[in-house]
Every structure is written in C-alpha cells, then in structure tokens.
C-alpha cells in the first residue's frame, strides 16, 4: 500500500510537472508566433523605408543633375550674352568710324567754305 501511495504521489508529481511543462511550451509557442509576426512586420517596414530612401536618393540625384544642367545653361547664356555685347560694341565702333570717315570730307569742305 505504501508502494501504491508512493506511485500515486510520483505519478501525480509527474503529471503535474508534465502539465506545467505543456503550459510553458504553449506559452513559448505563442510568444514565438508573436515574435515571428513582429519580425515580419519589422522586415516589411524596413523594406518600405529602404524603398523610400532609394526614391529620395534618386530624386535628390535627379534634382542635383537638373540644377547642374540649369547652371550650365545659365553659364552658356551668360557667355553668349557677353559675346553678343562684345560683337555689338565692335559693330557700333565700326559704324561710328564709318560714319565719321564718310562725314570727314564734308566737314573739311564746310570748314574751307566758311574760311
């Protein structure tokens, strides 16, 4: 009878231990599923942020290229303007010299007529 009582106690302890281990295992499984879900969510968030970062980098690069193109275009226009102003100055100077040289004989004739 003592043996039977000891066997019943041991069996009860083992059953209780198995139930506790089963409950602990169930808790660990639930926690694992929650962590797995969080990990997947974090991965998706990371991928989204990486995509945004790439888009911003691409847009920044495109903006920088556009700025450089515009600056180059502005510099080319400034250079053309300076060249055209220089040509205009030379043309005006040529016109003034031509007019002066054509008027010079009339000016000399006018001086001689008045003397």
PDB file of N, CA and C in Angstrom:
ATOM      1  N   UNK A   1       0.803  -1.178   0.000  1.00  0.00           N
ATOM      2  CA  UNK A   1       0.000   0.000   0.000  1.00  0.00           C
ATOM      3  C   UNK A   1       0.863   1.266   0.000  1.00  0.00           C
ATOM      4  N   UNK A   2       1.914   1.227   0.744  1.00  0.00           N
ATOM      5  CA  UNK A   2       2.833   2.371   0.753  1.00  0.00           C
ATOM      6  C   UNK A   2       3.424   2.571  -0.634  1.00  0.00           C
ATOM      7  N   UNK A   3       3.696   1.427  -1.239  1.00  0.00           N
ATOM      8  CA  UNK A   3       4.239   1.493  -2.593  1.00  0.00           C
ATOM      9  C   UNK A   3       3.210   2.113  -3.531  1.00  0.00           C
ATOM     10  N   UNK A   4       1.999   1.731  -3.369  1.00  0.00           N
ATOM     11  CA  UNK A   4       0.934   2.274  -4.209  1.00  0.00           C
ATOM     12  C   UNK A   4       0.767   3.768  -3.942  1.00  0.00           C
ATOM     13  N   UNK A   5       0.826   4.169  -2.696  1.00  0.00           N
ATOM     14  CA  UNK A   5       0.725   5.582  -2.331  1.00  0.00           C
ATOM     15  C   UNK A   5       1.889   6.378  -2.912  1.00  0.00           C
ATOM     16  N   UNK A   6       3.085   5.822  -2.863  1.00  0.00           N
ATOM     17  CA  UNK A   6       4.275   6.497  -3.420  1.00  0.00           C
ATOM     18  C   UNK A   6       4.136   6.600  -4.932  1.00  0.00           C
ATOM     19  N   UNK A   7       3.664   5.493  -5.543  1.00  0.00           N
ATOM     20  CA  UNK A   7       3.476   5.522  -7.007  1.00  0.00           C
ATOM     21  C   UNK A   7       2.432   6.564  -7.398  1.00  0.00           C
ATOM     22  N   UNK A   8       1.388   6.680  -6.623  1.00  0.00           N
ATOM     23  CA  UNK A   8       0.348   7.683  -6.917  1.00  0.00           C
ATOM     24  C   UNK A   8       0.907   9.092  -6.756  1.00  0.00           C
ATOM     25  N   UNK A   9       1.693   9.286  -5.700  1.00  0.00           N
ATOM     26  CA  UNK A   9       2.311  10.622  -5.487  1.00  0.00           C
ATOM     27  C   UNK A   9       3.272  10.956  -6.618  1.00  0.00           C
ATOM     28  N   UNK A  10       4.099  10.000  -6.973  1.00  0.00           N
ATOM     29  CA  UNK A  10       5.081  10.225  -8.050  1.00  0.00           C
ATOM     30  C   UNK A  10       4.344  10.477  -9.366  1.00  0.00           C
ATOM     31  N   UNK A  11       3.306   9.692  -9.616  1.00  0.00           N
ATOM     32  CA  UNK A  11       2.530   9.874 -10.832  1.00  0.00           C
ATOM     33  C   UNK A  11       1.881  11.249 -10.837  1.00  0.00           C
ATOM     34  N   UNK A  12       1.339  11.662  -9.695  1.00  0.00           N
ATOM     35  CA  UNK A  12       0.733  12.998  -9.596  1.00  0.00           C
ATOM     36  C   UNK A  12       1.757  14.096  -9.833  1.00  0.00           C
ATOM     37  N   UNK A  13       2.944  13.907  -9.251  1.00  0.00           N
ATOM     38  CA  UNK A  13       4.013  14.911  -9.438  1.00  0.00           C
ATOM     39  C   UNK A  13       4.429  14.957 -10.900  1.00  0.00           C
ATOM     40  N   UNK A  14       4.577  13.787 -11.498  1.00  0.00           N
ATOM     41  CA  UNK A  14       4.983  13.738 -12.918  1.00  0.00           C
ATOM     42  C   UNK A  14       3.906  14.364 -13.791  1.00  0.00           C
ATOM     43  N   UNK A  15       2.643  14.035 -13.527  1.00  0.00           N
ATOM     44  CA  UNK A  15       1.545  14.602 -14.320  1.00  0.00           C
ATOM     45  C   UNK A  15       1.512  16.113 -14.153  1.00  0.00           C
ATOM     46  N   UNK A  16       1.677  16.553 -12.920  1.00  0.00           N
ATOM     47  CA  UNK A  16       1.698  17.995 -12.658  1.00  0.00           C
ATOM     48  C   UNK A  16       2.874  18.667 -13.373  1.00  0.00           C
ATOM     49  N   UNK A  17       4.033  18.028 -13.323  1.00  0.00           N
ATOM     50  CA  UNK A  17       5.219  18.578 -13.994  1.00  0.00           C
ATOM     51  C   UNK A  17       5.012  18.607 -15.509  1.00  0.00           C
ATOM     52  N   UNK A  18       4.420  17.542 -16.041  1.00  0.00           N
ATOM     53  CA  UNK A  18       4.161  17.480 -17.486  1.00  0.00           C
ATOM     54  C   UNK A  18       3.173  18.566 -17.882  1.00  0.00           C
ATOM     55  N   UNK A  19       2.136  18.771 -17.055  1.00  0.00           N
ATOM     56  CA  UNK A  19       1.149  19.822 -17.355  1.00  0.00           C
ATOM     57  C   UNK A  19       1.799  21.206 -17.309  1.00  0.00           C
ATOM     58  N   UNK A  20       2.675  21.417 -16.322  1.00  0.00           N
ATOM     59  CA  UNK A  20       3.382  22.705 -16.242  1.00  0.00           C
ATOM     60  C   UNK A  20       4.298  22.907 -17.441  1.00  0.00           C
ATOM     61  N   UNK A  21       4.990  21.815 -17.816  1.00  0.00           N
ATOM     62  CA  UNK A  21       5.863  21.908 -18.993  1.00  0.00           C
ATOM     63  C   UNK A  21       5.040  22.146 -20.263  1.00  0.00           C
ATOM     64  N   UNK A  22       3.879  21.495 -20.343  1.00  0.00           N
ATOM     65  CA  UNK A  22       2.998  21.676 -21.501  1.00  0.00           C
ATOM     66  C   UNK A  22       2.516  23.126 -21.565  1.00  0.00           C
ATOM     67  N   UNK A  23       2.120  23.701 -20.424  1.00  0.00           N
ATOM     68  CA  UNK A  23       1.673  25.101 -20.371  1.00  0.00           C
ATOM     69  C   UNK A  23       2.820  26.039 -20.739  1.00  0.00           C
ATOM     70  N   UNK A  24       4.021  25.732 -20.209  1.00  0.00           N
ATOM     71  CA  UNK A  24       5.197  26.543 -20.541  1.00  0.00           C
ATOM     72  C   UNK A  24       5.512  26.453 -22.029  1.00  0.00           C
ATOM     73  N   UNK A  25       5.423  25.264 -22.595  1.00  0.00           N
ATOM     74  CA  UNK A  25       5.665  25.069 -24.021  1.00  0.00           C
ATOM     75  C   UNK A  25       4.641  25.836 -24.858  1.00  0.00           C
ATOM     76  N   UNK A  26       3.376  25.802 -24.432  1.00  0.00           N
ATOM     77  CA  UNK A  26       2.336  26.561 -25.138  1.00  0.00           C
ATOM     78  C   UNK A  26       2.619  28.063 -25.082  1.00  0.00           C
ATOM     79  N   UNK A  27       3.048  28.557 -23.911  1.00  0.00           N
ATOM     80  CA  UNK A  27       3.403  29.977 -23.772  1.00  0.00           C
ATOM     81  C   UNK A  27       4.562  30.339 -24.701  1.00  0.00           C
ATOM     82  N   UNK A  28       5.551  29.463 -24.742  1.00  0.00           N
ATOM     83  CA  UNK A  28       6.724  29.714 -25.594  1.00  0.00           C
ATOM     84  C   UNK A  28       6.308  29.719 -27.067  1.00  0.00           C
ATOM     85  N   UNK A  29       5.406  28.806 -27.447  1.00  0.00           N
ATOM     86  CA  UNK A  29       4.927  28.767 -28.842  1.00  0.00           C
ATOM     87  C   UNK A  29       4.170  30.059 -29.196  1.00  0.00           C
ATOM     88  N   UNK A  30       3.303  30.514 -28.292  1.00  0.00           N
ATOM     89  CA  UNK A  30       2.573  31.766 -28.550  1.00  0.00           C
ATOM     90  C   UNK A  30       3.536  32.948 -28.655  1.00  0.00           C
ATOM     91  N   UNK A  31       4.489  32.991 -27.737  1.00  0.00           N
ATOM     92  CA  UNK A  31       5.471  34.085 -27.772  1.00  0.00           C
ATOM     93  C   UNK A  31       6.291  34.030 -29.056  1.00  0.00           C
ATOM     94  N   UNK A  32       6.633  32.816 -29.487  1.00  0.00           N
ATOM     95  CA  UNK A  32       7.392  32.651 -30.735  1.00  0.00           C
ATOM     96  C   UNK A  32       6.585  33.164 -31.922  1.00  0.00           C
ATOM     97  N   UNK A  33       5.291  32.854 -31.949  1.00  0.00           N
ATOM     98  CA  UNK A  33       4.432  33.333 -33.037  1.00  0.00           C
ATOM     99  C   UNK A  33       4.320  34.859 -33.028  1.00  0.00           C
ATOM    100  N   UNK A  34       4.180  35.433 -31.834  1.00  0.00           N
ATOM    101  CA  UNK A  34       4.112  36.900 -31.721  1.00  0.00           C
ATOM    102  C   UNK A  34       5.419  37.518 -32.209  1.00  0.00           C
ATOM    103  N   UNK A  35       6.544  36.952 -31.779  1.00  0.00           N
ATOM    104  CA  UNK A  35       7.852  37.479 -32.203  1.00  0.00           C
ATOM    105  C   UNK A  35       8.053  37.302 -33.711  1.00  0.00           C
ATOM    106  N   UNK A  36       7.600  36.181 -34.246  1.00  0.00           N
ATOM    107  CA  UNK A  36       7.715  35.939 -35.693  1.00  0.00           C
ATOM    108  C   UNK A  36       6.885  36.980 -36.458  1.00  0.00           C
ATOM    109  N   UNK A  37       5.705  37.250 -35.954  1.00  0.00           N
ATOM    110  CA  UNK A  37       4.832  38.247 -36.578  1.00  0.00           C
ATOM    111  C   UNK A  37       5.468  39.633 -36.508  1.00  0.00           C
ATOM    112  N   UNK A  38       6.020  39.969 -35.352  1.00  0.00           N
ATOM    113  CA  UNK A  38       6.694  41.270 -35.206  1.00  0.00           C
ATOM    114  C   UNK A  38       7.897  41.367 -36.132  1.00  0.00           C
ATOM    115  N   UNK A  39       8.648  40.273 -36.246  1.00  0.00           N
ATOM    116  CA  UNK A  39       9.811  40.249 -37.130  1.00  0.00           C
ATOM    117  C   UNK A  39       9.387  40.478 -38.576  1.00  0.00           C
ATOM    118  N   UNK A  40       8.333  39.814 -39.016  1.00  0.00           N
ATOM    119  CA  UNK A  40       7.840  40.012 -40.380  1.00  0.00           C
ATOM    120  C   UNK A  40       7.375  41.448 -40.600  1.00  0.00           C
ATOM    121  N   UNK A  41       6.714  42.006 -39.595  1.00  0.00           N
ATOM    122  CA  UNK A  41       6.262  43.391 -39.679  1.00  0.00           C
ATOM    123  C   UNK A  41       7.455  44.340 -39.770  1.00  0.00           C
ATOM    124  N   UNK A  42       8.471  44.090 -38.948  1.00  0.00           N
ATOM    125  CA  UNK A  42       9.678  44.919 -38.979  1.00  0.00           C
ATOM    126  C   UNK A  42      10.399  44.802 -40.321  1.00  0.00           C
ATOM    127  N   UNK A  43      10.431  43.609 -40.881  1.00  0.00           N
ATOM    128  CA  UNK A  43      11.056  43.414 -42.204  1.00  0.00           C
ATOM    129  C   UNK A  43      10.318  44.227 -43.269  1.00  0.00           C
ATOM    130  N   UNK A  44       8.993  44.168 -43.215  1.00  0.00           N
ATOM    131  CA  UNK A  44       8.189  44.919 -44.187  1.00  0.00           C
ATOM    132  C   UNK A  44       8.418  46.418 -44.017  1.00  0.00           C
ATOM    133  N   UNK A  45       8.467  46.876 -42.770  1.00  0.00           N
ATOM    134  CA  UNK A  45       8.726  48.295 -42.502  1.00  0.00           C
ATOM    135  C   UNK A  45      10.106  48.688 -43.015  1.00  0.00           C
ATOM    136  N   UNK A  46      11.089  47.837 -42.755  1.00  0.00           N
ATOM    137  CA  UNK A  46      12.466  48.098 -43.211  1.00  0.00           C
ATOM    138  C   UNK A  46      12.519  48.202 -44.736  1.00  0.00           C
ATOM    139  N   UNK A  47      11.848  47.272 -45.414  1.00  0.00           N
ATOM    140  CA  UNK A  47      11.841  47.300 -46.876  1.00  0.00           C
ATOM    141  C   UNK A  47      11.166  48.573 -47.388  1.00  0.00           C
ATOM    142  N   UNK A  48      10.076  48.960 -46.723  1.00  0.00           N
ATOM    143  CA  UNK A  48       9.399  50.199 -47.121  1.00  0.00           C
ATOM    144  C   UNK A  48      10.293  51.411 -46.945  1.00  0.00           C
ATOM    145  N   UNK A  49      10.998  51.457 -45.804  1.00  0.00           N
ATOM    146  CA  UNK A  49      11.902  52.585 -45.548  1.00  0.00           C
ATOM    147  C   UNK A  49      13.081  52.588 -46.516  1.00  0.00           C
ATOM    148  N   UNK A  50      13.589  51.410 -46.827  1.00  0.00           N
ATOM    149  CA  UNK A  50      14.680  51.330 -47.806  1.00  0.00           C
ATOM    150  C   UNK A  50      14.216  51.823 -49.170  1.00  0.00           C
ATOM    151  N   UNK A  51      12.970  51.465 -49.526  1.00  0.00           N
ATOM    152  CA  UNK A  51      12.411  51.945 -50.799  1.00  0.00           C
ATOM    153  C   UNK A  51      12.283  53.452 -50.813  1.00  0.00           C
ATOM    154  N   UNK A  52      11.781  54.018 -49.707  1.00  0.00           N
ATOM    155  CA  UNK A  52      11.668  55.472 -49.613  1.00  0.00           C
ATOM    156  C   UNK A  52      13.036  56.139 -49.687  1.00  0.00           C
ATOM    157  N   UNK A  53      13.994  55.550 -48.988  1.00  0.00           N
ATOM    158  CA  UNK A  53      15.343  56.099 -49.007  1.00  0.00           C
ATOM    159  C   UNK A  53      15.914  56.081 -50.420  1.00  0.00           C
ATOM    160  N   UNK A  54      15.703  54.972 -51.125  1.00  0.00           N
ATOM    161  CA  UNK A  54      16.179  54.866 -52.506  1.00  0.00           C
ATOM    162  C   UNK A  54      15.489  55.898 -53.394  1.00  0.00           C
ATOM    163  N   UNK A  55      14.158  56.046 -53.215  1.00  0.00           N
ATOM    164  CA  UNK A  55      13.417  57.042 -54.002  1.00  0.00           C
ATOM    165  C   UNK A  55      13.940  58.444 -53.729  1.00  0.00           C
ATOM    166  N   UNK A  56      14.159  58.755 -52.446  1.00  0.00           N
ATOM    167  CA  UNK A  56      14.689  60.080 -52.089  1.00  0.00           C
ATOM    168  C   UNK A  56      16.080  60.284 -52.656  1.00  0.00           C
ATOM    169  N   UNK A  57      16.892  59.225 -52.617  1.00  0.00           N
ATOM    170  CA  UNK A  57      18.237  59.330 -53.171  1.00  0.00           C
ATOM    171  C   UNK A  57      18.172  59.582 -54.677  1.00  0.00           C
ATOM    172  N   UNK A  58      17.283  58.841 -55.346  1.00  0.00           N
ATOM    173  CA  UNK A  58      17.125  59.014 -56.793  1.00  0.00           C
ATOM    174  C   UNK A  58      16.619  60.410 -57.116  1.00  0.00           C
ATOM    175  N   UNK A  59      15.613  60.870 -56.355  1.00  0.00           N
ATOM    176  CA  UNK A  59      15.078  62.213 -56.587  1.00  0.00           C
ATOM    177  C   UNK A  59      16.132  63.270 -56.305  1.00  0.00           C
ATOM    178  N   UNK A  60      16.910  63.059 -55.246  1.00  0.00           N
ATOM    179  CA  UNK A  60      17.985  64.001 -54.930  1.00  0.00           C
ATOM    180  C   UNK A  60      19.013  64.051 -56.039  1.00  0.00           C
ATOM    181  N   UNK A  61      19.354  62.878 -56.572  1.00  0.00           N
ATOM    182  CA  UNK A  61      20.322  62.826 -57.661  1.00  0.00           C
ATOM    183  C   UNK A  61      19.750  63.508 -58.898  1.00  0.00           C
ATOM    184  N   UNK A  62      18.476  63.245 -59.192  1.00  0.00           N
ATOM    185  CA  UNK A  62      17.839  63.868 -60.352  1.00  0.00           C
ATOM    186  C   UNK A  62      17.781  65.382 -60.168  1.00  0.00           C
ATOM    187  N   UNK A  63      17.458  65.821 -58.969  1.00  0.00           N
ATOM    188  CA  UNK A  63      17.405  67.256 -58.685  1.00  0.00           C
ATOM    189  C   UNK A  63      18.785  67.879 -58.861  1.00  0.00           C
ATOM    190  N   UNK A  64      19.805  67.203 -58.353  1.00  0.00           N
ATOM    191  CA  UNK A  64      21.181  67.709 -58.488  1.00  0.00           C
ATOM    192  C   UNK A  64      21.572  67.808 -59.955  1.00  0.00           C
ATOM    193  N   UNK A  65      21.199  66.787 -60.738  1.00  0.00           N
ATOM    194  CA  UNK A  65      21.515  66.810 -62.171  1.00  0.00           C
ATOM    195  C   UNK A  65      20.775  67.965 -62.859  1.00  0.00           C
ATOM    196  N   UNK A  66      19.524  68.179 -62.507  1.00  0.00           N
ATOM    197  CA  UNK A  66      18.737  69.266 -63.087  1.00  0.00           C
ATOM    198  C   UNK A  66      19.360  70.608 -62.727  1.00  0.00           C
ATOM    199  N   UNK A  67      19.765  70.759 -61.477  1.00  0.00           N
ATOM    200  CA  UNK A  67      20.402  72.011 -61.038  1.00  0.00           C
ATOM    201  C   UNK A  67      21.684  72.241 -61.831  1.00  0.00           C
ATOM    202  N   UNK A  68      22.504  71.199 -61.973  1.00  0.00           N
ATOM    203  CA  UNK A  68      23.752  71.342 -62.725  1.00  0.00           C
ATOM    204  C   UNK A  68      23.475  71.690 -64.182  1.00  0.00           C
ATOM    205  N   UNK A  69      22.457  71.050 -64.767  1.00  0.00           N
ATOM    206  CA  UNK A  69      22.104  71.355 -66.160  1.00  0.00           C
ATOM    207  C   UNK A  69      21.660  72.810 -66.293  1.00  0.00           C
ATOM    208  N   UNK A  70      20.838  73.269 -65.356  1.00  0.00           N
ATOM    209  CA  UNK A  70      20.359  74.660 -65.394  1.00  0.00           C
ATOM    210  C   UNK A  70      21.513  75.632 -65.194  1.00  0.00           C
ATOM    211  N   UNK A  71      22.417  75.312 -64.269  1.00  0.00           N
ATOM    212  CA  UNK A  71      23.569  76.185 -64.050  1.00  0.00           C
ATOM    213  C   UNK A  71      24.447  76.254 -65.296  1.00  0.00           C
ATOM    214  N   UNK A  72      24.618  75.115 -65.949  1.00  0.00           N
ATOM    215  CA  UNK A  72      25.396  75.084 -67.194  1.00  0.00           C
ATOM    216  C   UNK A  72      24.699  75.913 -68.268  1.00  0.00           C
ATOM    217  N   UNK A  73      23.392  75.760 -68.379  1.00  0.00           N
ATOM    218  CA  UNK A  73      22.626  76.518 -69.365  1.00  0.00           C
ATOM    219  C   UNK A  73      22.713  78.022 -69.084  1.00  0.00           C
ATOM    220  N   UNK A  74      22.608  78.391 -67.811  1.00  0.00           N
ATOM    221  CA  UNK A  74      22.718  79.810 -67.436  1.00  0.00           C
ATOM    222  C   UNK A  74      24.098  80.338 -67.793  1.00  0.00           C
ATOM    223  N   UNK A  75      25.146  79.542 -67.509  1.00  0.00           N
ATOM    224  CA  UNK A  75      26.505  79.982 -67.836  1.00  0.00           C
ATOM    225  C   UNK A  75      26.676  80.134 -69.346  1.00  0.00           C
ATOM    226  N   UNK A  76      26.112  79.205 -70.111  1.00  0.00           N
ATOM    227  CA  UNK A  76      26.190  79.319 -71.572  1.00  0.00           C
ATOM    228  C   UNK A  76      25.477  80.580 -72.064  1.00  0.00           C
ATOM    229  N   UNK A  77      24.328  80.872 -71.483  1.00  0.00           N
ATOM    230  CA  UNK A  77      23.598  82.082 -71.873  1.00  0.00           C
ATOM    231  C   UNK A  77      24.382  83.344 -71.496  1.00  0.00           C
ATOM    232  N   UNK A  78      25.011  83.337 -70.334  1.00  0.00           N
ATOM    233  CA  UNK A  78      25.838  84.479 -69.921  1.00  0.00           C
ATOM    234  C   UNK A  78      27.002  84.669 -70.893  1.00  0.00           C
ATOM    235  N   UNK A  79      27.627  83.555 -71.267  1.00  0.00           N
ATOM    236  CA  UNK A  79      28.744  83.626 -72.219  1.00  0.00           C
ATOM    237  C   UNK A  79      28.284  84.159 -73.576  1.00  0.00           C
ATOM    238  N   UNK A  80      27.118  83.669 -74.036  1.00  0.00           N
ATOM    239  CA  UNK A  80      26.584  84.165 -75.316  1.00  0.00           C
ATOM    240  C   UNK A  80      26.243  85.637 -75.228  1.00  0.00           C
ATOM    241  N   UNK A  81      25.674  86.059 -74.103  1.00  0.00           N
ATOM    242  CA  UNK A  81      25.342  87.465 -73.910  1.00  0.00           C
ATOM    243  C   UNK A  81      26.602  88.323 -73.942  1.00  0.00           C
ATOM    244  N   UNK A  82      27.640  87.878 -73.246  1.00  0.00           N
ATOM    245  CA  UNK A  82      28.900  88.626 -73.234  1.00  0.00           C
ATOM    246  C   UNK A  82      29.496  88.706 -74.644  1.00  0.00           C
ATOM    247  N   UNK A  83      29.433  87.593 -75.381  1.00  0.00           N
ATOM    248  CA  UNK A  83      29.946  87.582 -76.747  1.00  0.00           C
ATOM    249  C   UNK A  83      29.143  88.522 -77.635  1.00  0.00           C
ATOM    250  N   UNK A  84      27.813  88.487 -77.507  1.00  0.00           N
ATOM    251  CA  UNK A  84      26.972  89.370 -78.318  1.00  0.00           C
ATOM    252  C   UNK A  84      27.178  90.839 -77.954  1.00  0.00           C
ATOM    253  N   UNK A  85      27.369  91.122 -76.669  1.00  0.00           N
ATOM    254  CA  UNK A  85      27.659  92.506 -76.272  1.00  0.00           C
ATOM    255  C   UNK A  85      28.987  92.960 -76.849  1.00  0.00           C
ATOM    256  N   UNK A  86      29.958  92.067 -76.858  1.00  0.00           N
ATOM    257  CA  UNK A  86      31.259  92.398 -77.445  1.00  0.00           C
ATOM    258  C   UNK A  86      31.127  92.648 -78.945  1.00  0.00           C
ATOM    259  N   UNK A  87      30.372  91.789 -79.641  1.00  0.00           N
ATOM    260  CA  UNK A  87      30.154  91.980 -81.077  1.00  0.00           C
ATOM    261  C   UNK A  87      29.422  93.296 -81.335  1.00  0.00           C
ATOM    262  N   UNK A  88      28.420  93.569 -80.490  1.00  0.00           N
ATOM    263  CA  UNK A  88      27.660  94.804 -80.651  1.00  0.00           C
ATOM    264  C   UNK A  88      28.573  96.020 -80.462  1.00  0.00           C
ATOM    265  N   UNK A  89      29.472  95.977 -79.478  1.00  0.00           N
ATOM    266  CA  UNK A  89      30.408  97.070 -79.255  1.00  0.00           C
ATOM    267  C   UNK A  89      31.304  97.264 -80.475  1.00  0.00           C
ATOM    268  N   UNK A  90      31.812  96.154 -81.016  1.00  0.00           N
ATOM    269  CA  UNK A  90      32.674  96.244 -82.199  1.00  0.00           C
ATOM    270  C   UNK A  90      31.892  96.808 -83.382  1.00  0.00           C
ATOM    271  N   UNK A  91      30.643  96.354 -83.563  1.00  0.00           N
ATOM    272  CA  UNK A  91      29.830  96.859 -84.668  1.00  0.00           C
ATOM    273  C   UNK A  91      29.537  98.348 -84.508  1.00  0.00           C
ATOM    274  N   UNK A  92      29.195  98.773 -83.277  1.00  0.00           N
ATOM    275  CA  UNK A  92      28.948 100.200 -83.055  1.00  0.00           C
ATOM    276  C   UNK A  92      30.208 101.019 -83.339  1.00  0.00           C
ATOM    277  N   UNK A  93      31.319 100.510 -82.895  1.00  0.00           N
ATOM    278  CA  UNK A  93      32.573 101.220 -83.131  1.00  0.00           C
ATOM    279  C   UNK A  93      32.848 101.309 -84.631  1.00  0.00           C
ATOM    280  N   UNK A  94      32.600 100.234 -85.361  1.00  0.00           N
ATOM    281  CA  UNK A  94      32.788 100.226 -86.806  1.00  0.00           C
ATOM    282  C   UNK A  94      31.832 101.211 -87.480  1.00  0.00           C
ATOM    283  N   UNK A  95      30.576 101.235 -87.045  1.00  0.00           N
ATOM    284  CA  UNK A  95      29.594 102.162 -87.606  1.00  0.00           C
ATOM    285  C   UNK A  95      30.025 103.606 -87.347  1.00  0.00           C
ATOM    286  N   UNK A  96      30.450 103.874 -86.127  1.00  0.00           N
ATOM    287  CA  UNK A  96      30.892 105.245 -85.806  1.00  0.00           C
ATOM    288  C   UNK A  96      32.088 105.657 -86.650  1.00  0.00           C
ATOM    289  N   UNK A  97      33.038 104.742 -86.818  1.00  0.00           N
ATOM    290  CA  UNK A  97      34.210 105.067 -87.649  1.00  0.00           C
ATOM    291  C   UNK A  97      33.799 105.298 -89.098  1.00  0.00           C
ATOM    292  N   UNK A  98      32.885 104.439 -89.609  1.00  0.00           N
ATOM    293  CA  UNK A  98      32.431 104.575 -90.988  1.00  0.00           C
ATOM    294  C   UNK A  98      31.710 105.901 -91.181  1.00  0.00           C
ATOM    295  N   UNK A  99      30.815 106.240 -90.279  1.00  0.00           N
ATOM    296  CA  UNK A  99      30.081 107.499 -90.371  1.00  0.00           C
ATOM    297  C   UNK A  99      31.059 108.671 -90.298  1.00  0.00           C
ATOM    298  N   UNK A 100      31.993 108.606 -89.369  1.00  0.00           N
ATOM    299  CA  UNK A 100      32.966 109.693 -89.222  1.00  0.00           C
ATOM    300  C   UNK A 100      33.796 109.844 -90.490  1.00  0.00           C
ATOM    301  N   UNK A 101      34.273 108.698 -91.033  1.00  0.00           N
ATOM    302  CA  UNK A 101      35.098 108.776 -92.237  1.00  0.00           C
ATOM    303  C   UNK A 101      34.308 109.293 -93.431  1.00  0.00           C
ATOM    304  N   UNK A 102      33.026 108.990 -93.509  1.00  0.00           N
ATOM    305  CA  UNK A 102      32.199 109.481 -94.622  1.00  0.00           C
ATOM    306  C   UNK A 102      31.839 110.955 -94.440  1.00  0.00           C
ATOM    307  N   UNK A 103      31.712 111.368 -93.197  1.00  0.00           N
ATOM    308  CA  UNK A 103      31.377 112.763 -92.942  1.00  0.00           C
ATOM    309  C   UNK A 103      32.613 113.665 -92.975  1.00  0.00           C
ATOM    310  N   UNK A 104      33.794 113.093 -92.820  1.00  0.00           N
ATOM    311  CA  UNK A 104      35.028 113.877 -92.760  1.00  0.00           C
ATOM    312  C   UNK A 104      35.225 114.772 -93.979  1.00  0.00           C
ATOM    313  N   UNK A 105      35.021 114.272 -95.197  1.00  0.00           N
ATOM    314  CA  UNK A 105      35.194 115.174 -96.339  1.00  0.00           C
ATOM    315  C   UNK A 105      34.204 116.342 -96.296  1.00  0.00           C
ATOM    316  N   UNK A 106      32.986 116.096 -95.860  1.00  0.00           N
ATOM    317  CA  UNK A 106      32.002 117.176 -95.783  1.00  0.00           C
ATOM    318  C   UNK A 106      32.386 118.184 -94.714  1.00  0.00           C
ATOM    319  N   UNK A 107      32.955 117.680 -93.623  1.00  0.00           N
ATOM    320  CA  UNK A 107      33.390 118.578 -92.560  1.00  0.00           C
ATOM    321  C   UNK A 107      34.538 119.462 -93.045  1.00  0.00           C
ATOM    322  N   UNK A 108      35.482 118.885 -93.783  1.00  0.00           N
ATOM    323  CA  UNK A 108      36.613 119.669 -94.331  1.00  0.00           C
ATOM    324  C   UNK A 108      36.108 120.679 -95.352  1.00  0.00           C
ATOM    325  N   UNK A 109      35.172 120.260 -96.184  1.00  0.00           N
ATOM    326  CA  UNK A 109      34.632 121.150 -97.184  1.00  0.00           C
ATOM    327  C   UNK A 109      33.874 122.285 -96.517  1.00  0.00           C
ATOM    328  N   UNK A 110      33.174 121.991 -95.458  1.00  0.00           N
ATOM    329  CA  UNK A 110      32.423 123.005 -94.737  1.00  0.00           C
ATOM    330  C   UNK A 110      33.354 124.005 -94.095  1.00  0.00           C
ATOM    331  N   UNK A 111      34.509 123.554 -93.577  1.00  0.00           N
ATOM    332  CA  UNK A 111      35.491 124.450 -92.962  1.00  0.00           C
ATOM    333  C   UNK A 111      36.123 125.342 -94.019  1.00  0.00           C
ATOM    334  N   UNK A 112      36.416 124.754 -95.186  1.00  0.00           N
ATOM    335  CA  UNK A 112      37.050 125.525 -96.230  1.00  0.00           C
ATOM    336  C   UNK A 112      36.084 126.563 -96.821  1.00  0.00           C
ATOM    337  N   UNK A 113      34.828 126.211 -96.880  1.00  0.00           N
ATOM    338  CA  UNK A 113      33.836 127.137 -97.435  1.00  0.00           C
ATOM    339  C   UNK A 113      33.619 128.310 -96.484  1.00  0.00           C
ATOM    340  N   UNK A 114      33.711 128.056 -95.207  1.00  0.00           N
ATOM    341  CA  UNK A 114      33.493 129.135 -94.264  1.00  0.00           C
ATOM    342  C   UNK A 114      34.730 129.990 -94.100  1.00  0.00           C
ATOM    343  N   UNK A 115      35.907 129.567 -94.566  1.00  0.00           N
ATOM    344  CA  UNK A 115      37.099 130.382 -94.388  1.00  0.00           C
ATOM    345  C   UNK A 115      37.312 131.372 -95.467  1.00  0.00           C
TER     346      UNK A 115
END
